[in-house]
Protein backbone atom coordinates (compact mmCIF):
# COMPACT_ATOMS: atom_id res chain seq x y z
CA UNK A 1 -14.39 24.74 -63.94
CA UNK A 2 -17.71 23.54 -65.34
CA UNK A 3 -19.90 20.97 -63.58
CA UNK A 4 -19.33 18.54 -66.45
CA UNK A 5 -15.55 18.71 -66.06
CA UNK A 6 -15.81 18.48 -62.26
CA UNK A 7 -17.91 15.31 -62.45
CA UNK A 8 -15.56 13.79 -64.99
CA UNK A 9 -12.47 14.50 -62.88
CA UNK A 10 -14.24 13.16 -59.77
CA UNK A 11 -15.14 10.03 -61.73
CA UNK A 12 -11.47 9.52 -62.68
CA UNK A 13 -10.21 10.15 -59.12
CA UNK A 14 -12.74 7.83 -57.46
CA UNK A 15 -12.16 5.08 -60.00
CA UNK A 16 -8.40 5.35 -59.36
CA UNK A 17 -9.14 4.78 -55.66
CA UNK A 18 -11.28 1.75 -56.57
CA UNK A 19 -8.52 0.24 -58.72
CA UNK A 20 -5.98 0.75 -55.93
CA UNK A 21 -8.31 -0.88 -53.41
CA UNK A 22 -8.91 -3.87 -55.68
CA UNK A 23 -5.17 -4.34 -56.15
CA UNK A 24 -4.66 -4.07 -52.38
CA UNK A 25 -7.38 -6.66 -51.77
CA UNK A 26 -5.85 -8.91 -54.47
CA UNK A 27 -9.20 -9.24 -56.18
CA UNK A 28 -7.45 -10.03 -59.45
CA UNK A 29 -7.13 -13.63 -58.26
CA UNK A 30 -10.87 -14.23 -58.71
CA UNK A 31 -12.12 -11.20 -60.66
CA UNK A 32 -9.26 -10.49 -63.03
CA UNK A 33 -11.54 -9.34 -65.86
CA UNK A 34 -13.37 -6.92 -63.59
CA UNK A 35 -10.08 -5.44 -62.42
CA UNK A 36 -8.88 -5.20 -66.04
CA UNK A 37 -12.15 -3.53 -67.01
CA UNK A 38 -11.81 -0.94 -64.23
CA UNK A 39 -8.23 -0.19 -65.29
CA UNK A 40 -9.32 0.13 -68.92
CA UNK A 41 -12.25 2.35 -67.97
CA UNK A 42 -9.94 4.56 -65.91
CA UNK A 43 -7.47 4.94 -68.79
CA UNK A 44 -10.21 5.49 -71.38
CA UNK A 45 -11.81 8.17 -69.22
CA UNK A 46 -8.47 9.94 -68.91
CA UNK A 47 -8.12 9.72 -72.68
CA UNK A 48 -11.74 10.71 -73.20
CA UNK A 49 -11.33 13.79 -71.05
CA UNK A 50 -8.34 14.84 -73.16
CA UNK A 51 -9.92 13.99 -76.53
CA UNK A 52 -13.10 15.87 -75.64
CA UNK A 53 -10.98 19.00 -75.48
CA UNK A 54 -8.80 18.16 -78.49
CA UNK A 55 -11.74 17.24 -80.73
CA UNK A 56 -14.22 19.72 -79.28
CA UNK A 57 -14.66 21.26 -82.73
CA UNK A 58 -14.70 17.92 -84.59
CA UNK A 59 -17.78 15.90 -83.70
CA UNK A 60 -17.02 13.18 -86.26
CA UNK A 61 -13.48 12.73 -84.93
CA UNK A 62 -14.68 12.39 -81.36
CA UNK A 63 -17.51 10.02 -82.36
CA UNK A 64 -15.12 7.70 -84.21
CA UNK A 65 -12.92 7.42 -81.13
CA UNK A 66 -15.98 6.93 -78.92
CA UNK A 67 -17.23 4.08 -81.14
CA UNK A 68 -13.86 2.29 -80.95
CA UNK A 69 -13.81 2.71 -77.15
CA UNK A 70 -17.39 1.40 -76.91
CA UNK A 71 -16.49 -1.77 -78.83
CA UNK A 72 -13.49 -2.48 -76.57
CA UNK A 73 -15.52 -1.56 -73.48
CA UNK A 74 -18.33 -3.92 -74.49
CA UNK A 75 -15.91 -6.78 -75.13
CA UNK A 76 -14.37 -6.33 -71.67
CA UNK A 77 -17.80 -6.16 -70.05
CA UNK A 78 -18.73 -9.39 -71.80
CA UNK A 79 -15.66 -10.92 -70.17
CA UNK A 80 -16.76 -9.52 -66.80
CA UNK A 81 -20.20 -11.12 -67.11
CA UNK A 82 -18.70 -14.50 -68.05
CA UNK A 83 -16.26 -14.18 -65.15
CA UNK A 84 -19.07 -13.38 -62.69
CA UNK A 85 -21.08 -16.40 -63.80
CA UNK A 86 -17.99 -18.61 -63.55
CA UNK A 87 -17.01 -17.19 -60.15
CA UNK A 88 -20.49 -17.87 -58.76
CA UNK A 89 -19.92 -21.55 -59.56
CA UNK A 90 -16.60 -21.57 -57.65
CA UNK A 91 -17.66 -24.16 -55.00
CA UNK A 92 -18.39 -26.87 -57.59
CA UNK A 93 -16.01 -25.91 -60.40
CA UNK A 94 -13.70 -28.93 -59.81
CA UNK A 95 -16.67 -31.20 -60.55
CA UNK A 96 -17.67 -29.42 -63.77
CA UNK A 97 -16.44 -30.45 -67.23
CA UNK A 98 -13.55 -28.47 -68.72
CA UNK A 99 -15.81 -26.95 -71.36
CA UNK A 100 -18.15 -25.33 -68.80
CA UNK A 101 -16.50 -21.92 -69.08
CA UNK A 102 -16.81 -22.00 -72.87
CA UNK A 103 -20.47 -23.02 -72.59
CA UNK A 104 -21.18 -20.08 -70.25
CA UNK A 105 -19.46 -17.68 -72.67
CA UNK A 106 -21.46 -19.02 -75.63
CA UNK A 107 -24.73 -18.76 -73.68
CA UNK A 108 -24.11 -15.13 -72.70
CA UNK A 109 -22.96 -14.26 -76.23
CA UNK A 110 -26.07 -15.93 -77.66
CA UNK A 111 -28.26 -14.02 -75.22
CA UNK A 112 -26.65 -10.78 -76.38
CA UNK A 113 -27.35 -11.72 -80.00
CA UNK A 114 -31.01 -12.29 -79.11
CA UNK A 115 -31.23 -8.95 -77.30
CA UNK A 116 -29.63 -6.89 -80.11
CA UNK A 117 -32.70 -6.75 -82.45
CA UNK A 118 -34.88 -5.51 -79.58
CA UNK A 119 -32.56 -2.56 -78.84
CA UNK A 120 -33.82 -0.78 -81.94
CA UNK A 121 -36.67 0.93 -80.11
CA UNK A 122 -37.12 3.55 -82.82
CA UNK A 123 -35.66 4.44 -86.18
CA UNK A 124 -32.96 7.10 -86.13
CA UNK A 125 -32.61 8.21 -89.76
CA UNK A 126 -31.06 11.57 -88.86
CA UNK A 127 -28.16 10.07 -86.94
CA UNK A 128 -24.92 8.67 -88.35
CA UNK A 129 -24.14 4.96 -88.47
CA UNK A 130 -21.47 5.43 -85.79
CA UNK A 131 -23.94 7.05 -83.39
CA UNK A 132 -26.54 4.35 -83.94
CA UNK A 133 -23.95 1.59 -83.51
CA UNK A 134 -22.82 3.07 -80.20
CA UNK A 135 -26.42 3.39 -79.04
CA UNK A 136 -27.46 -0.17 -79.92
CA UNK A 137 -24.28 -1.66 -78.47
CA UNK A 138 -24.69 0.25 -75.22
CA UNK A 139 -28.32 -0.85 -74.92
CA UNK A 140 -27.46 -4.51 -75.57
CA UNK A 141 -24.69 -4.59 -72.96
CA UNK A 142 -26.85 -2.70 -70.45
CA UNK A 143 -29.67 -5.23 -70.78
CA UNK A 144 -27.17 -8.10 -70.47
CA UNK A 145 -25.77 -6.61 -67.25
CA UNK A 146 -29.27 -6.18 -65.83
CA UNK A 147 -30.20 -9.78 -66.64
CA UNK A 148 -27.02 -11.17 -65.08
CA UNK A 149 -27.67 -9.12 -61.93
CA UNK A 150 -31.27 -10.35 -61.73
CA UNK A 151 -30.20 -13.98 -62.13
CA UNK A 152 -27.45 -13.75 -59.50
CA UNK A 153 -29.60 -11.76 -57.06
CA UNK A 154 -32.67 -13.91 -57.65
CA UNK A 155 -30.75 -17.16 -57.12
CA UNK A 156 -28.54 -15.81 -54.31
CA UNK A 157 -30.15 -17.88 -51.55
CA UNK A 158 -30.17 -20.99 -53.72
CA UNK A 159 -26.49 -20.42 -54.61
CA UNK A 160 -25.57 -19.54 -51.00
CA UNK A 161 -24.23 -16.07 -51.76
CA UNK A 162 -25.04 -12.85 -49.92
CA UNK A 163 -24.39 -9.12 -50.08
CA UNK A 164 -20.93 -9.62 -48.55
CA UNK A 165 -19.83 -11.82 -51.47
CA UNK A 166 -17.85 -10.03 -54.17
CA UNK A 167 -19.83 -11.53 -57.05
CA UNK A 168 -23.12 -10.08 -55.83
CA UNK A 169 -21.49 -6.75 -54.95
CA UNK A 170 -20.07 -6.38 -58.46
CA UNK A 171 -23.34 -7.47 -60.08
CA UNK A 172 -25.34 -5.03 -57.93
CA UNK A 173 -23.21 -2.04 -58.94
CA UNK A 174 -23.39 -3.03 -62.58
CA UNK A 175 -27.14 -3.59 -62.36
CA UNK A 176 -27.80 -0.16 -60.84
CA UNK A 177 -25.66 1.66 -63.37
CA UNK A 178 -27.12 -0.38 -66.23
CA UNK A 179 -30.68 0.70 -65.42
CA UNK A 180 -29.58 4.35 -65.59
CA UNK A 181 -27.51 3.77 -68.73
CA UNK A 182 -30.40 2.03 -70.49
CA UNK A 183 -32.80 4.84 -69.59
CA UNK A 184 -30.29 7.44 -70.83
CA UNK A 185 -29.79 5.62 -74.15
CA UNK A 186 -33.59 5.61 -74.69
CA UNK A 187 -34.05 9.30 -73.89
CA UNK A 188 -30.87 10.58 -75.56
CA UNK A 189 -31.98 10.38 -79.24
CA UNK A 190 -35.07 12.45 -78.47
CA UNK A 191 -33.26 15.44 -76.98
CA UNK A 192 -33.70 18.69 -78.85
CA UNK A 193 -31.00 20.93 -77.34
CA UNK A 194 -27.33 20.53 -76.43
CA UNK A 195 -28.09 21.74 -72.89
CA UNK A 196 -30.43 18.78 -72.37
CA UNK A 197 -27.75 16.42 -73.62
CA UNK A 198 -25.19 17.91 -71.23
CA UNK A 199 -27.52 17.54 -68.23
CA UNK A 200 -28.36 13.95 -69.16
CA UNK A 201 -24.67 13.12 -69.52
CA UNK A 202 -23.99 14.65 -66.10
CA UNK A 203 -26.76 12.53 -64.60
CA UNK A 204 -25.24 9.38 -66.13
CA UNK A 205 -21.77 10.19 -64.80
CA UNK A 206 -23.24 10.87 -61.35
CA UNK A 207 -25.00 7.48 -61.40
CA UNK A 208 -21.76 5.67 -62.15
CA UNK A 209 -20.06 7.67 -59.41
CA UNK A 210 -22.64 6.17 -57.04
CA UNK A 211 -21.76 2.67 -58.31
CA UNK A 212 -18.03 3.36 -57.78
CA UNK A 213 -18.65 4.60 -54.24
CA UNK A 214 -20.79 1.53 -53.52
CA UNK A 215 -17.99 -0.76 -54.70
CA UNK A 216 -15.43 1.10 -52.61
CA UNK A 217 -17.65 0.86 -49.50
CA UNK A 218 -18.20 -2.85 -50.21
CA UNK A 219 -14.60 -3.78 -50.99
CA UNK A 220 -13.28 -1.99 -47.89
CA UNK A 221 -15.06 -4.66 -45.86
CA UNK A 222 -13.57 -8.12 -45.60
CA UNK A 223 -15.20 -10.68 -47.84
CA UNK A 224 -17.08 -13.48 -46.15
CA UNK A 225 -15.89 -17.04 -46.58
CA UNK A 226 -17.72 -18.48 -49.55
CA UNK A 227 -20.43 -20.92 -48.51
CA UNK A 228 -21.07 -24.23 -50.21
CA UNK A 229 -24.12 -24.56 -52.42
CA UNK A 230 -27.29 -26.02 -51.02
CA UNK A 231 -27.59 -29.79 -51.65
CA UNK A 232 -30.42 -29.13 -54.10
CA UNK A 233 -28.32 -26.65 -56.07
CA UNK A 234 -25.32 -28.99 -56.16
CA UNK A 235 -27.46 -31.89 -57.32
CA UNK A 236 -29.12 -29.87 -60.10
CA UNK A 237 -25.95 -28.21 -61.39
CA UNK A 238 -23.95 -31.43 -61.38
CA UNK A 239 -26.82 -33.22 -63.11
CA UNK A 240 -26.83 -30.54 -65.82
CA UNK A 241 -23.05 -30.85 -66.17
CA UNK A 242 -23.38 -34.63 -66.41
CA UNK A 243 -26.07 -34.34 -69.07
CA UNK A 244 -23.87 -31.99 -71.10
CA UNK A 245 -20.92 -34.38 -70.77
CA UNK A 246 -23.07 -37.33 -71.86
CA UNK A 247 -24.39 -35.41 -74.87
CA UNK A 248 -20.86 -34.49 -75.93
CA UNK A 249 -19.70 -38.10 -75.55
CA UNK A 250 -22.66 -39.34 -77.60
CA UNK A 251 -21.88 -36.92 -80.39
CA UNK A 252 -18.23 -37.97 -80.37
CA UNK A 253 -19.22 -41.67 -80.53
CA UNK A 254 -21.64 -40.95 -83.38
CA UNK A 255 -18.90 -39.28 -85.40
CA UNK A 256 -16.48 -42.13 -84.70
CA UNK A 257 -18.98 -44.80 -85.75
CA UNK A 258 -20.12 -42.99 -88.90
CA UNK A 259 -19.79 -44.49 -92.38
CA UNK A 260 -16.20 -44.78 -93.55
CA UNK A 261 -15.04 -43.48 -96.86
CA UNK A 262 -14.34 -46.21 -99.39
CA UNK A 263 -10.66 -47.16 -99.72
CA UNK A 264 -8.94 -46.09 -102.89
CA UNK A 265 -7.00 -48.65 -104.90
């Protein structure tokens, strides 16, 4: 068996262990999207392993399937990032307005839209539209994951979360893998031989294996009781929520007090 196939099968086996551990720990109660993403990734890797052999002589057929998987994968990862941000706010969620989750989703989606134009590091005229779409989408999601990790890690003390909290553990694994994935997506278009591509792909799989093993080692340990935010953090976040609520109420009042249409006789 080739090294590529061995890494791929190890990836599938270790991810299956991770999914089983997450189900055992009942992590779906707080990180349902992350659990769903891991299940999807496990199934797509099983399918990808099979399709790589079925379509080994049809590059276009394999690339079309890979593009569809990348779109679904990116959508699920977007959900994971929104879920992480929402889970970090768990201690004060009862005090937040009902639209807070939607606001977080819109902010992350808007950030992704801002990142997209900067993922075109170089023109790729010799590559198909499918290949370029996969590349730009992967870069955008990788940068988003890195930014979310940096925000959560950078504000960890302020938000009263540590390395034993699930949110930071998930963000750390995603951040590590994202740095490797982003570097691979930058180098990949400039490869000149298939052997170089194979080695780079093996390196990327190995990096995600490390992330999976880190999650398993982290989730085996019992999660610490979530601490309350610092008074400063609570005051600032609730003030921001109050400002957003006031703005929404003002807009609603402005619409209600607007000029009425003339009555028809």
